[in-house]
Amino acid sequence: MTVREQLEITEVGILSSFACTSVDPVGTKRDRIEEKCPFRTEFQRDRDRILHCNSFRRLKRKTQVFLSPVGDHYRTRLTHTLEVAQIARTIARGMRLNEDLTEAIALGHDLGHSPFGHCGERTLNEICPHGFRHYEQSVRVVEHLEKNGKGLNLTYAVRNGIECHTNKTAATKEGCIVRLADTIAYINHDIEDSIRAGILHQNDLPRDCVIVLGNTKTKRITTLIASVIEHGVYDIDFAPKIRKAHDDLKRFMFERVYTNPAAKHEESKAELLVRKLYSYFIEHPEKLPDEYKRIMKATDPDRAVCDYISGMSDGYAVDLYTDLFVPKFWK
């Protein structure tokens, strides 16, 4: 018996009946049949493929909330992803669901996020005829863009969880956990970053929310995680009282931070940059890298240009814009 087979037997023996195990015929289905690994379960393989892919590494230079912040302690899209994975695994463990599946979904959920955060996403959605939503692009990354167009050939359960992490109900309980872990992570780490940036003060937080959830990031995250676990595996959600406090705090963050000019004053420049790059490559498709020229031939220029720009890190996009549009001094 292989190590993988032993792990599969262990999963079936200890996980909840609501869990998606590594022998589930639907959840573990891949587009291309592969020989099984002797040491890792199917979802462990997916997790490893995501960790080693190019798109995952580029997350370290993509905006979370603050555009290219100066300072080592502000979140990036990568550190956000790691915090989501930690929270999601804690919930999954507490509910006897599949930690490996949960972690794989969490690590892959933002692979398709554009540079410059939601400003970049909004701009691409406005100018690309195909539209652009980061959760759909994340699926496109793992299915079509990674590994020179071959994709990562992930299981159905992981791809479904990635696609549904924003505004849909996932097919697995593990996918539903990641959706909640995402919002738990970003609301609370964005509060911490906003206080560090001087946009918020601890005393600005809504008093009713603080009373229910806690007056520190650690207490709030602990309260939210505990509420999900205690609410039960049948319906993955917060208890009603906690849900209201969470939603009120989220609403407060949208009003005070996510639309705050102090945090977003550079976004108009980022939007202009994305629009200029998009127009340039639509007009000069021959300047696209070869892998995106192949996409253009298989689909159309808009699809190829959108794929190219959405995959850029903030720094790469700025450097490319500078190279294309800022005059160089003659030496």
C-alpha atoms as a PDB file:
ATOM      1  CA  MET A   1       0.000   0.000   0.000  1.00  0.00           C
ATOM      2  CA  THR A   2       1.384   3.401  -0.980  1.00  0.00           C
ATOM      3  CA  VAL A   3       1.653   6.411   1.306  1.00  0.00           C
ATOM      4  CA  ARG A   4      -1.114   8.072  -0.714  1.00  0.00           C
ATOM      5  CA  GLU A   5      -3.439   5.105  -0.253  1.00  0.00           C
ATOM      6  CA  GLN A   6      -2.835   5.155   3.497  1.00  0.00           C
ATOM      7  CA  LEU A   7      -3.636   8.881   3.585  1.00  0.00           C
ATOM      8  CA  GLU A   8      -6.828   8.296   1.629  1.00  0.00           C
ATOM      9  CA  ILE A   9      -7.958   5.612   4.076  1.00  0.00           C
ATOM     10  CA  THR A  10      -7.175   7.924   6.999  1.00  0.00           C
ATOM     11  CA  GLU A  11      -9.226  10.733   5.436  1.00  0.00           C
ATOM     12  CA  VAL A  12     -12.266   8.518   4.976  1.00  0.00           C
ATOM     13  CA  GLY A  13     -11.955   7.312   8.570  1.00  0.00           C
ATOM     14  CA  ILE A  14     -11.590  10.657  10.370  1.00  0.00           C
ATOM     15  CA  LEU A  15     -13.196  13.365   8.215  1.00  0.00           C
ATOM     16  CA  SER A  16     -16.808  14.478   8.440  1.00  0.00           C
ATOM     17  CA  SER A  17     -19.337  12.913   6.082  1.00  0.00           C
ATOM     18  CA  PHE A  18     -19.694  16.441   4.634  1.00  0.00           C
ATOM     19  CA  ALA A  19     -16.016  16.538   3.622  1.00  0.00           C
ATOM     20  CA  CYS A  20     -14.789  16.126   0.072  1.00  0.00           C
ATOM     21  CA  THR A  21     -12.197  13.376   0.422  1.00  0.00           C
ATOM     22  CA  SER A  22      -9.315  12.609  -1.889  1.00  0.00           C
ATOM     23  CA  VAL A  23     -11.178   9.590  -3.285  1.00  0.00           C
ATOM     24  CA  ASP A  24     -14.309  11.535  -4.228  1.00  0.00           C
ATOM     25  CA  PRO A  25     -14.847  10.714  -7.928  1.00  0.00           C
ATOM     26  CA  VAL A  26     -16.366  14.100  -8.795  1.00  0.00           C
ATOM     27  CA  GLY A  27     -14.176  16.376  -6.686  1.00  0.00           C
ATOM     28  CA  THR A  28     -10.923  14.751  -7.828  1.00  0.00           C
ATOM     29  CA  LYS A  29     -11.784  14.671 -11.532  1.00  0.00           C
ATOM     30  CA  ARG A  30      -9.194  16.310 -13.799  1.00  0.00           C
ATOM     31  CA  ASP A  31      -9.602  17.378 -17.422  1.00  0.00           C
ATOM     32  CA  ARG A  32      -6.642  15.172 -18.328  1.00  0.00           C
ATOM     33  CA  ILE A  33      -6.212  11.778 -16.680  1.00  0.00           C
ATOM     34  CA  GLU A  34      -2.885  11.403 -14.879  1.00  0.00           C
ATOM     35  CA  GLU A  35      -1.086   8.614 -13.096  1.00  0.00           C
ATOM     36  CA  LYS A  36      -1.582   9.035  -9.349  1.00  0.00           C
ATOM     37  CA  CYS A  37       1.283  10.105  -7.097  1.00  0.00           C
ATOM     38  CA  PRO A  38       2.461   7.403  -4.674  1.00  0.00           C
ATOM     39  CA  PHE A  39       3.024   9.930  -1.856  1.00  0.00           C
ATOM     40  CA  ARG A  40       0.476  12.731  -2.199  1.00  0.00           C
ATOM     41  CA  THR A  41      -3.297  12.803  -2.406  1.00  0.00           C
ATOM     42  CA  GLU A  42      -4.947  14.558  -5.346  1.00  0.00           C
ATOM     43  CA  PHE A  43      -5.575  17.769  -3.414  1.00  0.00           C
ATOM     44  CA  GLN A  44      -2.048  17.806  -2.010  1.00  0.00           C
ATOM     45  CA  ARG A  45      -0.768  17.682  -5.583  1.00  0.00           C
ATOM     46  CA  ASP A  46      -2.996  20.619  -6.516  1.00  0.00           C
ATOM     47  CA  ARG A  47      -1.714  22.633  -3.571  1.00  0.00           C
ATOM     48  CA  ASP A  48       1.887  21.970  -4.602  1.00  0.00           C
ATOM     49  CA  ARG A  49       1.242  22.869  -8.245  1.00  0.00           C
ATOM     50  CA  ILE A  50      -0.225  26.205  -7.201  1.00  0.00           C
ATOM     51  CA  LEU A  51       2.656  26.968  -4.846  1.00  0.00           C
ATOM     52  CA  HIS A  52       5.218  26.332  -7.582  1.00  0.00           C
ATOM     53  CA  CYS A  53       3.501  28.189 -10.426  1.00  0.00           C
ATOM     54  CA  ASN A  54       4.614  31.551 -11.837  1.00  0.00           C
ATOM     55  CA  SER A  55       1.325  33.301 -11.100  1.00  0.00           C
ATOM     56  CA  PHE A  56       1.640  32.527  -7.392  1.00  0.00           C
ATOM     57  CA  ARG A  57       5.095  34.119  -7.191  1.00  0.00           C
ATOM     58  CA  ARG A  58       3.890  37.273  -8.931  1.00  0.00           C
ATOM     59  CA  LEU A  59       1.370  37.867  -6.133  1.00  0.00           C
ATOM     60  CA  LYS A  60       4.180  39.211  -3.960  1.00  0.00           C
ATOM     61  CA  ARG A  61       4.259  42.377  -6.107  1.00  0.00           C
ATOM     62  CA  LYS A  62       0.535  42.903  -6.570  1.00  0.00           C
ATOM     63  CA  THR A  63      -1.513  45.437  -4.632  1.00  0.00           C
ATOM     64  CA  GLN A  64      -3.820  44.339  -1.828  1.00  0.00           C
ATOM     65  CA  VAL A  65      -5.297  47.715  -0.770  1.00  0.00           C
ATOM     66  CA  PHE A  66      -2.483  50.263  -0.703  1.00  0.00           C
ATOM     67  CA  LEU A  67      -0.831  50.810  -4.065  1.00  0.00           C
ATOM     68  CA  SER A  68       2.849  49.791  -3.905  1.00  0.00           C
ATOM     69  CA  PRO A  69       3.163  50.820  -0.245  1.00  0.00           C
ATOM     70  CA  VAL A  70       6.521  51.851   1.180  1.00  0.00           C
ATOM     71  CA  GLY A  71       7.119  49.614   4.171  1.00  0.00           C
ATOM     72  CA  ASP A  72       7.687  45.933   4.756  1.00  0.00           C
ATOM     73  CA  HIS A  73       4.623  45.329   6.923  1.00  0.00           C
ATOM     74  CA  TYR A  74       1.818  46.281   4.541  1.00  0.00           C
ATOM     75  CA  ARG A  75      -0.029  43.390   2.941  1.00  0.00           C
ATOM     76  CA  THR A  76       0.436  42.381  -0.650  1.00  0.00           C
ATOM     77  CA  ARG A  77      -1.765  40.006  -2.609  1.00  0.00           C
ATOM     78  CA  LEU A  78       0.612  37.184  -1.602  1.00  0.00           C
ATOM     79  CA  THR A  79       0.535  37.799   2.146  1.00  0.00           C
ATOM     80  CA  HIS A  80      -3.245  38.150   1.932  1.00  0.00           C
ATOM     81  CA  THR A  81      -3.401  34.752   0.224  1.00  0.00           C
ATOM     82  CA  LEU A  82      -1.281  33.136   2.931  1.00  0.00           C
ATOM     83  CA  GLU A  83      -3.489  34.600   5.672  1.00  0.00           C
ATOM     84  CA  VAL A  84      -6.607  33.310   3.917  1.00  0.00           C
ATOM     85  CA  ALA A  85      -5.036  29.847   3.719  1.00  0.00           C
ATOM     86  CA  GLN A  86      -4.199  29.861   7.441  1.00  0.00           C
ATOM     87  CA  ILE A  87      -7.691  30.932   8.482  1.00  0.00           C
ATOM     88  CA  ALA A  88      -9.349  28.480   6.087  1.00  0.00           C
ATOM     89  CA  ARG A  89      -7.257  25.564   7.339  1.00  0.00           C
ATOM     90  CA  THR A  90      -8.099  26.373  10.956  1.00  0.00           C
ATOM     91  CA  ILE A  91     -11.820  26.335  10.173  1.00  0.00           C
ATOM     92  CA  ALA A  92     -11.541  23.136   8.117  1.00  0.00           C
ATOM     93  CA  ARG A  93      -9.658  21.382  10.895  1.00  0.00           C
ATOM     94  CA  GLY A  94     -12.235  22.453  13.459  1.00  0.00           C
ATOM     95  CA  MET A  95     -15.066  21.101  11.308  1.00  0.00           C
ATOM     96  CA  ARG A  96     -13.269  17.878  10.278  1.00  0.00           C
ATOM     97  CA  LEU A  97     -13.292  18.904   6.623  1.00  0.00           C
ATOM     98  CA  ASN A  98     -10.486  18.401   4.122  1.00  0.00           C
ATOM     99  CA  GLU A  99      -7.608  20.729   5.025  1.00  0.00           C
ATOM    100  CA  ASP A 100      -5.616  19.953   1.884  1.00  0.00           C
ATOM    101  CA  LEU A 101      -8.497  20.826  -0.428  1.00  0.00           C
ATOM    102  CA  THR A 102      -9.243  23.966   1.580  1.00  0.00           C
ATOM    103  CA  GLU A 103      -5.618  25.076   1.438  1.00  0.00           C
ATOM    104  CA  ALA A 104      -5.333  24.463  -2.303  1.00  0.00           C
ATOM    105  CA  ILE A 105      -8.427  26.585  -3.002  1.00  0.00           C
ATOM    106  CA  ALA A 106      -7.197  29.355  -0.718  1.00  0.00           C
ATOM    107  CA  LEU A 107      -3.735  29.471  -2.265  1.00  0.00           C
ATOM    108  CA  GLY A 108      -5.203  29.636  -5.767  1.00  0.00           C
ATOM    109  CA  HIS A 109      -8.129  31.965  -5.204  1.00  0.00           C
ATOM    110  CA  ASP A 110      -6.398  35.192  -6.325  1.00  0.00           C
ATOM    111  CA  LEU A 111      -3.995  33.875  -8.982  1.00  0.00           C
ATOM    112  CA  GLY A 112      -5.819  35.851 -11.668  1.00  0.00           C
ATOM    113  CA  HIS A 113      -5.931  39.143  -9.831  1.00  0.00           C
ATOM    114  CA  SER A 114      -4.832  42.120 -11.894  1.00  0.00           C
ATOM    115  CA  PRO A 115      -2.091  44.578 -10.961  1.00  0.00           C
ATOM    116  CA  PHE A 116      -3.172  47.553  -8.823  1.00  0.00           C
ATOM    117  CA  GLY A 117      -5.834  45.591  -6.972  1.00  0.00           C
ATOM    118  CA  HIS A 118      -9.502  46.216  -7.593  1.00  0.00           C
ATOM    119  CA  CYS A 119      -8.695  49.395  -9.524  1.00  0.00           C
ATOM    120  CA  GLY A 120      -6.932  47.289 -12.148  1.00  0.00           C
ATOM    121  CA  GLU A 121      -9.757  44.751 -12.113  1.00  0.00           C
ATOM    122  CA  ARG A 122     -12.394  47.448 -12.577  1.00  0.00           C
ATOM    123  CA  THR A 123     -10.467  49.070 -15.429  1.00  0.00           C
ATOM    124  CA  LEU A 124      -9.951  45.822 -17.340  1.00  0.00           C
ATOM    125  CA  ASN A 125     -13.628  44.974 -16.877  1.00  0.00           C
ATOM    126  CA  GLU A 126     -14.555  48.322 -18.436  1.00  0.00           C
ATOM    127  CA  ILE A 127     -12.285  48.168 -21.472  1.00  0.00           C
ATOM    128  CA  CYS A 128     -12.144  44.460 -22.355  1.00  0.00           C
ATOM    129  CA  PRO A 129     -15.133  43.274 -24.429  1.00  0.00           C
ATOM    130  CA  HIS A 130     -14.952  39.917 -22.643  1.00  0.00           C
ATOM    131  CA  GLY A 131     -15.249  41.601 -19.256  1.00  0.00           C
ATOM    132  CA  PHE A 132     -12.867  40.859 -16.423  1.00  0.00           C
ATOM    133  CA  ARG A 133     -13.472  39.372 -12.987  1.00  0.00           C
ATOM    134  CA  HIS A 134     -10.490  38.185 -11.012  1.00  0.00           C
ATOM    135  CA  TYR A 135     -12.111  34.962  -9.801  1.00  0.00           C
ATOM    136  CA  GLU A 136     -12.912  33.908 -13.373  1.00  0.00           C
ATOM    137  CA  GLN A 137      -9.402  34.888 -14.454  1.00  0.00           C
ATOM    138  CA  SER A 138      -7.955  32.776 -11.635  1.00  0.00           C
ATOM    139  CA  VAL A 139      -9.678  29.750 -13.154  1.00  0.00           C
ATOM    140  CA  ARG A 140      -8.414  30.736 -16.586  1.00  0.00           C
ATOM    141  CA  VAL A 141      -4.884  30.937 -15.191  1.00  0.00           C
ATOM    142  CA  VAL A 142      -4.940  27.393 -13.823  1.00  0.00           C
ATOM    143  CA  GLU A 143      -6.768  25.936 -16.830  1.00  0.00           C
ATOM    144  CA  HIS A 144      -5.168  27.714 -19.791  1.00  0.00           C
ATOM    145  CA  LEU A 145      -2.330  30.117 -18.990  1.00  0.00           C
ATOM    146  CA  GLU A 146       0.100  28.376 -16.651  1.00  0.00           C
ATOM    147  CA  LYS A 147       2.801  26.008 -17.953  1.00  0.00           C
ATOM    148  CA  ASN A 148       2.961  27.633 -21.399  1.00  0.00           C
ATOM    149  CA  GLY A 149      -0.722  27.198 -22.085  1.00  0.00           C
ATOM    150  CA  LYS A 150      -1.078  23.663 -20.745  1.00  0.00           C
ATOM    151  CA  GLY A 151      -2.576  24.747 -17.434  1.00  0.00           C
ATOM    152  CA  LEU A 152      -2.087  23.035 -14.090  1.00  0.00           C
ATOM    153  CA  ASN A 153      -4.761  20.369 -14.712  1.00  0.00           C
ATOM    154  CA  LEU A 154      -6.249  20.847 -11.245  1.00  0.00           C
ATOM    155  CA  THR A 155      -9.125  18.845  -9.833  1.00  0.00           C
ATOM    156  CA  TYR A 156     -12.717  19.983 -10.239  1.00  0.00           C
ATOM    157  CA  ALA A 157     -13.160  20.730  -6.517  1.00  0.00           C
ATOM    158  CA  VAL A 158     -10.208  23.129  -6.450  1.00  0.00           C
ATOM    159  CA  ARG A 159     -11.213  24.950  -9.632  1.00  0.00           C
ATOM    160  CA  ASN A 160     -14.809  25.230  -8.459  1.00  0.00           C
ATOM    161  CA  GLY A 161     -13.726  26.634  -5.098  1.00  0.00           C
ATOM    162  CA  ILE A 162     -11.527  29.229  -6.792  1.00  0.00           C
ATOM    163  CA  GLU A 163     -14.332  30.312  -9.110  1.00  0.00           C
ATOM    164  CA  CYS A 164     -16.897  30.571  -6.301  1.00  0.00           C
ATOM    165  CA  HIS A 165     -14.808  32.346  -3.659  1.00  0.00           C
ATOM    166  CA  THR A 166     -16.361  35.778  -4.267  1.00  0.00           C
ATOM    167  CA  ASN A 167     -20.092  35.604  -4.879  1.00  0.00           C
ATOM    168  CA  LYS A 168     -21.212  32.037  -5.576  1.00  0.00           C
ATOM    169  CA  THR A 169     -21.883  28.934  -3.503  1.00  0.00           C
ATOM    170  CA  ALA A 170     -19.146  26.370  -4.014  1.00  0.00           C
ATOM    171  CA  ALA A 171     -19.882  22.706  -4.670  1.00  0.00           C
ATOM    172  CA  THR A 172     -17.904  21.671  -1.571  1.00  0.00           C
ATOM    173  CA  LYS A 173     -17.974  22.741   2.053  1.00  0.00           C
ATOM    174  CA  GLU A 174     -14.261  23.428   1.733  1.00  0.00           C
ATOM    175  CA  GLY A 175     -14.933  25.955  -1.017  1.00  0.00           C
ATOM    176  CA  CYS A 176     -17.554  27.647   1.162  1.00  0.00           C
ATOM    177  CA  ILE A 177     -14.996  27.925   3.953  1.00  0.00           C
ATOM    178  CA  VAL A 178     -12.524  29.742   1.706  1.00  0.00           C
ATOM    179  CA  ARG A 179     -15.149  32.314   0.757  1.00  0.00           C
ATOM    180  CA  LEU A 180     -15.598  33.199   4.444  1.00  0.00           C
ATOM    181  CA  ALA A 181     -11.871  32.989   5.193  1.00  0.00           C
ATOM    182  CA  ASP A 182     -11.215  35.504   2.417  1.00  0.00           C
ATOM    183  CA  THR A 183     -13.458  38.143   3.948  1.00  0.00           C
ATOM    184  CA  ILE A 184     -12.282  37.398   7.500  1.00  0.00           C
ATOM    185  CA  ALA A 185      -8.701  37.935   6.377  1.00  0.00           C
ATOM    186  CA  TYR A 186      -9.026  41.040   4.256  1.00  0.00           C
ATOM    187  CA  ILE A 187     -11.310  43.037   6.540  1.00  0.00           C
ATOM    188  CA  ASN A 188      -9.082  42.500   9.554  1.00  0.00           C
ATOM    189  CA  HIS A 189      -5.689  42.877   7.941  1.00  0.00           C
ATOM    190  CA  ASP A 190      -6.939  45.936   6.038  1.00  0.00           C
ATOM    191  CA  ILE A 191      -7.950  47.480   9.368  1.00  0.00           C
ATOM    192  CA  GLU A 192      -4.419  46.894  10.652  1.00  0.00           C
ATOM    193  CA  ASP A 193      -2.829  48.345   7.503  1.00  0.00           C
ATOM    194  CA  SER A 194      -5.177  51.346   7.574  1.00  0.00           C
ATOM    195  CA  ILE A 195      -4.268  52.112  11.188  1.00  0.00           C
ATOM    196  CA  ARG A 196      -0.588  51.816  10.293  1.00  0.00           C
ATOM    197  CA  ALA A 197      -1.127  54.220   7.385  1.00  0.00           C
ATOM    198  CA  GLY A 198      -2.898  56.762   9.584  1.00  0.00           C
ATOM    199  CA  ILE A 199      -6.186  56.480   7.698  1.00  0.00           C
ATOM    200  CA  LEU A 200      -7.953  54.894  10.668  1.00  0.00           C
ATOM    201  CA  HIS A 201      -7.558  55.001  14.414  1.00  0.00           C
ATOM    202  CA  GLN A 202      -8.517  52.092  16.631  1.00  0.00           C
ATOM    203  CA  ASN A 203     -11.233  54.234  18.203  1.00  0.00           C
ATOM    204  CA  ASP A 204     -12.833  54.845  14.788  1.00  0.00           C
ATOM    205  CA  LEU A 205     -14.096  51.274  14.533  1.00  0.00           C
ATOM    206  CA  PRO A 206     -17.867  50.930  15.121  1.00  0.00           C
ATOM    207  CA  ARG A 207     -18.405  50.382  18.828  1.00  0.00           C
ATOM    208  CA  ASP A 208     -21.150  47.776  18.373  1.00  0.00           C
ATOM    209  CA  CYS A 209     -18.872  45.712  16.116  1.00  0.00           C
ATOM    210  CA  VAL A 210     -15.976  45.934  18.561  1.00  0.00           C
ATOM    211  CA  ILE A 211     -18.177  44.799  21.449  1.00  0.00           C
ATOM    212  CA  VAL A 212     -19.325  41.724  19.505  1.00  0.00           C
ATOM    213  CA  LEU A 213     -16.147  40.816  17.616  1.00  0.00           C
ATOM    214  CA  GLY A 214     -13.313  42.140  19.784  1.00  0.00           C
ATOM    215  CA  ASN A 215     -11.027  45.155  20.026  1.00  0.00           C
ATOM    216  CA  THR A 216      -7.954  43.611  18.386  1.00  0.00           C
ATOM    217  CA  LYS A 217      -7.287  41.827  15.107  1.00  0.00           C
ATOM    218  CA  THR A 218      -6.532  38.581  16.943  1.00  0.00           C
ATOM    219  CA  LYS A 219      -9.745  38.689  18.956  1.00  0.00           C
ATOM    220  CA  ARG A 220     -11.874  39.506  15.918  1.00  0.00           C
ATOM    221  CA  ILE A 221     -10.403  36.734  13.786  1.00  0.00           C
ATOM    222  CA  THR A 222     -10.759  34.257  16.661  1.00  0.00           C
ATOM    223  CA  THR A 223     -14.408  35.244  17.190  1.00  0.00           C
ATOM    224  CA  LEU A 224     -15.221  34.922  13.490  1.00  0.00           C
ATOM    225  CA  ILE A 225     -13.467  31.568  13.105  1.00  0.00           C
ATOM    226  CA  ALA A 226     -15.161  30.191  16.229  1.00  0.00           C
ATOM    227  CA  SER A 227     -18.543  31.351  14.969  1.00  0.00           C
ATOM    228  CA  VAL A 228     -18.157  29.490  11.674  1.00  0.00           C
ATOM    229  CA  ILE A 229     -17.097  26.286  13.436  1.00  0.00           C
ATOM    230  CA  GLU A 230     -19.866  26.506  16.037  1.00  0.00           C
ATOM    231  CA  HIS A 231     -22.556  27.421  13.493  1.00  0.00           C
ATOM    232  CA  GLY A 232     -22.143  23.956  12.016  1.00  0.00           C
ATOM    233  CA  VAL A 233     -21.016  22.180   8.896  1.00  0.00           C
ATOM    234  CA  TYR A 234     -24.438  21.926   7.281  1.00  0.00           C
ATOM    235  CA  ASP A 235     -24.613  25.670   6.576  1.00  0.00           C
ATOM    236  CA  ILE A 236     -21.159  27.270   6.380  1.00  0.00           C
ATOM    237  CA  ASP A 237     -21.697  30.753   7.802  1.00  0.00           C
ATOM    238  CA  PHE A 238     -21.400  32.940  10.880  1.00  0.00           C
ATOM    239  CA  ALA A 239     -24.017  32.883  13.612  1.00  0.00           C
ATOM    240  CA  PRO A 240     -26.643  35.621  12.987  1.00  0.00           C
ATOM    241  CA  LYS A 241     -25.311  38.055  15.621  1.00  0.00           C
ATOM    242  CA  ILE A 242     -21.754  37.634  14.368  1.00  0.00           C
ATOM    243  CA  ARG A 243     -22.898  37.938  10.738  1.00  0.00           C
ATOM    244  CA  LYS A 244     -24.484  41.324  11.465  1.00  0.00           C
ATOM    245  CA  ALA A 245     -21.368  42.628  13.212  1.00  0.00           C
ATOM    246  CA  HIS A 246     -19.170  41.337  10.389  1.00  0.00           C
ATOM    247  CA  ASP A 247     -21.345  42.956   7.712  1.00  0.00           C
ATOM    248  CA  ASP A 248     -21.477  46.247   9.597  1.00  0.00           C
ATOM    249  CA  LEU A 249     -17.688  46.265   9.927  1.00  0.00           C
ATOM    250  CA  LYS A 250     -17.310  45.454   6.233  1.00  0.00           C
ATOM    251  CA  ARG A 251     -19.665  48.320   5.346  1.00  0.00           C
ATOM    252  CA  PHE A 252     -17.617  50.642   7.550  1.00  0.00           C
ATOM    253  CA  MET A 253     -14.411  49.626   5.756  1.00  0.00           C
ATOM    254  CA  PHE A 254     -15.927  50.342   2.348  1.00  0.00           C
ATOM    255  CA  GLU A 255     -17.021  53.787   3.510  1.00  0.00           C
ATOM    256  CA  ARG A 256     -13.831  54.759   5.339  1.00  0.00           C
ATOM    257  CA  VAL A 257     -11.017  52.908   3.565  1.00  0.00           C
ATOM    258  CA  TYR A 258     -11.847  51.208   0.282  1.00  0.00           C
ATOM    259  CA  THR A 259     -13.274  54.435  -1.160  1.00  0.00           C
ATOM    260  CA  ASN A 260     -11.118  56.818   0.887  1.00  0.00           C
ATOM    261  CA  PRO A 261      -9.196  59.317  -1.315  1.00  0.00           C
ATOM    262  CA  ALA A 262      -6.238  59.109   1.070  1.00  0.00           C
ATOM    263  CA  ALA A 263      -5.836  55.405   0.258  1.00  0.00           C
ATOM    264  CA  LYS A 264      -6.886  55.692  -3.379  1.00  0.00           C
ATOM    265  CA  HIS A 265      -5.311  58.961  -4.569  1.00  0.00           C
ATOM    266  CA  GLU A 266      -2.939  57.147  -6.945  1.00  0.00           C
ATOM    267  CA  GLU A 267      -5.630  54.975  -8.511  1.00  0.00           C
ATOM    268  CA  SER A 268      -6.390  57.417 -11.331  1.00  0.00           C
ATOM    269  CA  LYS A 269      -2.780  57.072 -12.444  1.00  0.00           C
ATOM    270  CA  ALA A 270      -2.959  53.287 -12.240  1.00  0.00           C
ATOM    271  CA  GLU A 271      -6.170  53.306 -14.284  1.00  0.00           C
ATOM    272  CA  LEU A 272      -4.558  55.489 -16.951  1.00  0.00           C
ATOM    273  CA  LEU A 273      -1.554  53.170 -17.046  1.00  0.00           C
ATOM    274  CA  VAL A 274      -3.720  50.081 -17.594  1.00  0.00           C
ATOM    275  CA  ARG A 275      -5.740  51.822 -20.302  1.00  0.00           C
ATOM    276  CA  LYS A 276      -2.616  53.012 -22.122  1.00  0.00           C
ATOM    277  CA  LEU A 277      -0.996  49.574 -22.030  1.00  0.00           C
ATOM    278  CA  TYR A 278      -4.188  47.949 -23.259  1.00  0.00           C
ATOM    279  CA  SER A 279      -4.566  50.374 -26.162  1.00  0.00           C
ATOM    280  CA  TYR A 280      -0.912  50.012 -27.108  1.00  0.00           C
ATOM    281  CA  PHE A 281      -0.994  46.230 -27.390  1.00  0.00           C
ATOM    282  CA  ILE A 282      -4.337  46.229 -29.208  1.00  0.00           C
ATOM    283  CA  GLU A 283      -2.758  48.578 -31.759  1.00  0.00           C
ATOM    284  CA  HIS A 284       0.574  46.702 -31.787  1.00  0.00           C
ATOM    285  CA  PRO A 285      -0.227  43.014 -31.183  1.00  0.00           C
ATOM    286  CA  GLU A 286       3.083  42.056 -32.745  1.00  0.00           C
ATOM    287  CA  LYS A 287       4.729  43.429 -29.577  1.00  0.00           C
ATOM    288  CA  LEU A 288       3.058  40.819 -27.387  1.00  0.00           C
ATOM    289  CA  PRO A 289       5.253  38.015 -25.990  1.00  0.00           C
ATOM    290  CA  ASP A 290       5.041  34.819 -28.039  1.00  0.00           C
ATOM    291  CA  GLU A 291       2.790  32.985 -25.565  1.00  0.00           C
ATOM    292  CA  TYR A 292       0.176  35.721 -25.870  1.00  0.00           C
ATOM    293  CA  LYS A 293       0.476  35.803 -29.629  1.00  0.00           C
ATOM    294  CA  ARG A 294      -0.552  32.145 -29.537  1.00  0.00           C
ATOM    295  CA  ILE A 295      -3.565  33.064 -27.411  1.00  0.00           C
ATOM    296  CA  MET A 296      -4.439  35.813 -29.884  1.00  0.00           C
ATOM    297  CA  LYS A 297      -4.403  33.367 -32.795  1.00  0.00           C
ATOM    298  CA  ALA A 298      -6.573  30.912 -30.884  1.00  0.00           C
ATOM    299  CA  THR A 299      -9.040  33.557 -29.649  1.00  0.00           C
ATOM    300  CA  ASP A 300      -8.710  37.287 -30.377  1.00  0.00           C
ATOM    301  CA  PRO A 301      -6.458  40.284 -29.541  1.00  0.00           C
ATOM    302  CA  ASP A 302      -8.613  41.509 -26.635  1.00  0.00           C
ATOM    303  CA  ARG A 303      -8.424  38.138 -24.879  1.00  0.00           C
ATOM    304  CA  ALA A 304      -4.643  37.984 -25.340  1.00  0.00           C
ATOM    305  CA  VAL A 305      -3.999  41.555 -24.205  1.00  0.00           C
ATOM    306  CA  CYS A 306      -6.262  41.166 -21.172  1.00  0.00           C
ATOM    307  CA  ASP A 307      -4.464  37.949 -20.196  1.00  0.00           C
ATOM    308  CA  TYR A 308      -1.087  39.659 -20.568  1.00  0.00           C
ATOM    309  CA  ILE A 309      -1.905  42.771 -18.544  1.00  0.00           C
ATOM    310  CA  SER A 310      -3.827  40.953 -15.821  1.00  0.00           C
ATOM    311  CA  GLY A 311      -0.837  38.725 -15.175  1.00  0.00           C
ATOM    312  CA  MET A 312       1.556  41.634 -14.642  1.00  0.00           C
ATOM    313  CA  SER A 313       2.801  42.636 -11.219  1.00  0.00           C
ATOM    314  CA  ASP A 314       2.479  46.298 -10.256  1.00  0.00           C
ATOM    315  CA  GLY A 315       6.189  46.893 -10.752  1.00  0.00           C
ATOM    316  CA  TYR A 316       6.349  45.153 -14.106  1.00  0.00           C
ATOM    317  CA  ALA A 317       3.396  47.177 -15.403  1.00  0.00           C
ATOM    318  CA  VAL A 318       5.003  50.460 -14.275  1.00  0.00           C
ATOM    319  CA  ASP A 319       8.367  49.507 -15.799  1.00  0.00           C
ATOM    320  CA  LEU A 320       6.752  48.506 -19.083  1.00  0.00           C
ATOM    321  CA  TYR A 321       4.723  51.733 -19.209  1.00  0.00           C
ATOM    322  CA  THR A 322       7.882  53.742 -18.544  1.00  0.00           C
ATOM    323  CA  ASP A 323       9.743  51.905 -21.281  1.00  0.00           C
ATOM    324  CA  LEU A 324       6.949  52.447 -23.827  1.00  0.00           C
ATOM    325  CA  PHE A 325       5.767  55.974 -23.039  1.00  0.00           C
ATOM    326  CA  VAL A 326       8.377  57.899 -21.050  1.00  0.00           C
ATOM    327  CA  PRO A 327      11.146  59.431 -23.218  1.00  0.00           C
ATOM    328  CA  LYS A 328      14.666  58.339 -22.502  1.00  0.00           C
ATOM    329  CA  PHE A 329      17.473  60.845 -22.286  1.00  0.00           C
ATOM    330  CA  TRP A 330      20.086  60.546 -25.019  1.00  0.00           C
ATOM    331  CA  LYS A 331      23.552  59.569 -23.840  1.00  0.00           C
END
